[in-house]
């Protein structure tokens, strides 16, 4: 006999636990699940131990309140002066053959020094001023960036 009276069992269909109350014959036993007694075939029940060991137990989450949260430590490192950087970024477009073609260039002027500068740009075409840009370039902590587009 696989089961004896008083053995804990698991009903395979419903995954409920119960116990063996009586042995009817070699193929059937009387089981009790949540106070209800009913007969079951031996193939319909199993020992609950595999399920107990293979299931993950739910972990209780601890409540964490705002005053218990540790504050982030900010490490302030002095910024390095890297100079004034001229940065070119291509803007792509598709041509007739679905190839990427550079349509425009985005130009960034970045001041990564501790000194403020005045930037003056004047585009002359045929001796005439076509486009003019005057702006300050602020130092490191403020981080100013000038951007304009050029068609290729």
Foldseek 3Di string as FASTA:
>chain_A
DPFDFFAWKAQQVVRFIWTFHACDDPFKTWIATPRDIDIDGPVRMGHCPVVVVPDDDDDDDDDDDPVNDDDDDDDDDDADFPAKDKDKDFDWDQDPVRDTDGFKIKIKIKGAAQDKAWDWDFDDDPNDTDDIDIDIHHYHVVIDIDIDMGGD
